Amino acid sequence: MCRNITVLRGLEPAATEQEIYAAALQYVRKVGGISGLSSATKPAVDKAVAAIAAATTTLLAELPDRRVPPPTEPPLRRIAARENEVGETA
């Protein structure tokens, strides 16, 4: 498993569409060995990300609740938290 993909199950509040999309994109880029999108790779990547994001959404909806939240927050939440800290100190 890619170490950079964060656990989305059990988040409070629940994982957003953006977080699911970001995880799907990370997965596709890792599996496909793609570091950047080009006109040649974009259609295939977009199609794969959409399919994986849909499957992930279904998976998260069908799994039972976690008893313990995941140990780390998704990257989008960490970025938002840093931006809020900067905004509060400014």
Protein backbone atom coordinates (compact mmCIF):
# COMPACT_ATOMS: atom_id res chain seq x y z
CA MET A 1 0.00 0.00 0.00
CA CYS A 2 1.17 3.50 -0.72
CA ARG A 3 2.36 5.03 2.52
CA ASN A 4 1.08 8.46 1.50
CA ILE A 5 -2.58 7.47 1.20
CA THR A 6 -4.30 8.32 4.46
CA VAL A 7 -7.01 6.19 6.04
CA LEU A 8 -10.38 7.82 5.35
CA ARG A 9 -12.64 5.44 7.25
CA GLY A 10 -13.67 6.69 10.67
CA LEU A 11 -12.92 10.37 10.17
CA GLU A 12 -15.02 12.91 12.05
CA PRO A 13 -16.51 14.57 10.15
CA ALA A 14 -16.69 11.92 7.43
CA ALA A 15 -14.33 12.05 4.46
CA THR A 16 -15.29 14.66 1.88
CA GLU A 17 -15.53 14.18 -1.88
CA GLN A 18 -12.30 16.20 -2.20
CA GLU A 19 -10.46 13.91 0.24
CA ILE A 20 -11.71 10.80 -1.54
CA TYR A 21 -10.70 12.27 -4.93
CA ALA A 22 -7.23 13.18 -3.59
CA ALA A 23 -6.69 9.64 -2.29
CA ALA A 24 -7.87 8.16 -5.60
CA LEU A 25 -5.52 10.45 -7.53
CA GLN A 26 -2.58 9.49 -5.31
CA TYR A 27 -3.36 5.81 -5.87
CA VAL A 28 -3.63 6.17 -9.66
CA ARG A 29 -0.43 8.21 -9.87
CA LYS A 30 1.46 5.68 -7.75
CA VAL A 31 0.21 2.60 -9.57
CA GLY A 32 0.62 4.23 -12.98
CA GLY A 33 4.06 5.64 -12.20
CA ILE A 34 2.84 9.08 -13.21
CA SER A 35 4.45 12.12 -11.66
CA GLY A 36 2.70 14.71 -13.82
CA LEU A 37 -0.27 14.76 -16.14
CA SER A 38 0.15 15.28 -19.85
CA SER A 39 -2.37 15.41 -22.67
CA ALA A 40 -1.50 11.77 -23.35
CA THR A 41 -2.13 10.55 -19.79
CA LYS A 42 -4.90 12.87 -18.55
CA PRO A 43 -7.93 11.05 -20.07
CA ALA A 44 -6.88 7.67 -18.69
CA VAL A 45 -6.01 9.13 -15.29
CA ASP A 46 -9.29 11.06 -15.07
CA LYS A 47 -11.29 7.94 -15.92
CA ALA A 48 -9.40 5.79 -13.39
CA VAL A 49 -9.65 8.40 -10.63
CA ALA A 50 -13.41 8.72 -11.14
CA ALA A 51 -13.86 4.94 -10.95
CA ILE A 52 -11.68 4.59 -7.86
CA ALA A 53 -13.32 7.56 -6.11
CA ALA A 54 -16.76 6.04 -6.77
CA ALA A 55 -15.63 2.64 -5.48
CA THR A 56 -14.08 4.29 -2.41
CA THR A 57 -17.27 6.20 -1.66
CA THR A 58 -19.27 2.96 -1.84
CA LEU A 59 -16.73 1.13 0.30
CA LEU A 60 -16.74 3.78 3.03
CA ALA A 61 -20.55 3.82 3.07
CA GLU A 62 -20.81 0.05 3.41
CA LEU A 63 -18.09 -0.61 6.00
CA PRO A 64 -19.10 -0.59 9.67
CA ASP A 65 -18.04 2.36 11.79
CA ARG A 66 -14.55 2.26 13.26
CA ARG A 67 -14.21 2.06 17.01
CA VAL A 68 -11.07 4.17 16.96
CA PRO A 69 -10.47 7.08 14.58
CA PRO A 70 -7.50 6.84 12.21
CA PRO A 71 -4.16 7.92 13.71
CA THR A 72 -3.54 10.67 11.14
CA GLU A 73 -5.62 13.29 9.39
CA PRO A 74 -5.84 13.44 5.60
CA PRO A 75 -3.45 15.93 3.95
CA LEU A 76 -6.25 18.33 2.96
CA ARG A 77 -7.28 18.66 6.62
CA ARG A 78 -3.67 19.22 7.72
CA ILE A 79 -3.26 21.97 5.10
CA ALA A 80 -6.53 23.62 6.18
CA ALA A 81 -5.48 23.49 9.84
CA ARG A 82 -2.14 25.18 9.02
CA GLU A 83 -3.90 27.87 7.00
CA ASN A 84 -6.26 28.55 9.89
CA GLU A 85 -3.32 28.83 12.30
CA VAL A 86 -1.59 31.31 10.01
CA GLY A 87 -4.79 33.31 9.60
CA GLU A 88 -5.28 33.49 13.36
CA THR A 89 -1.78 34.80 14.00
CA ALA A 90 -1.87 37.39 11.24
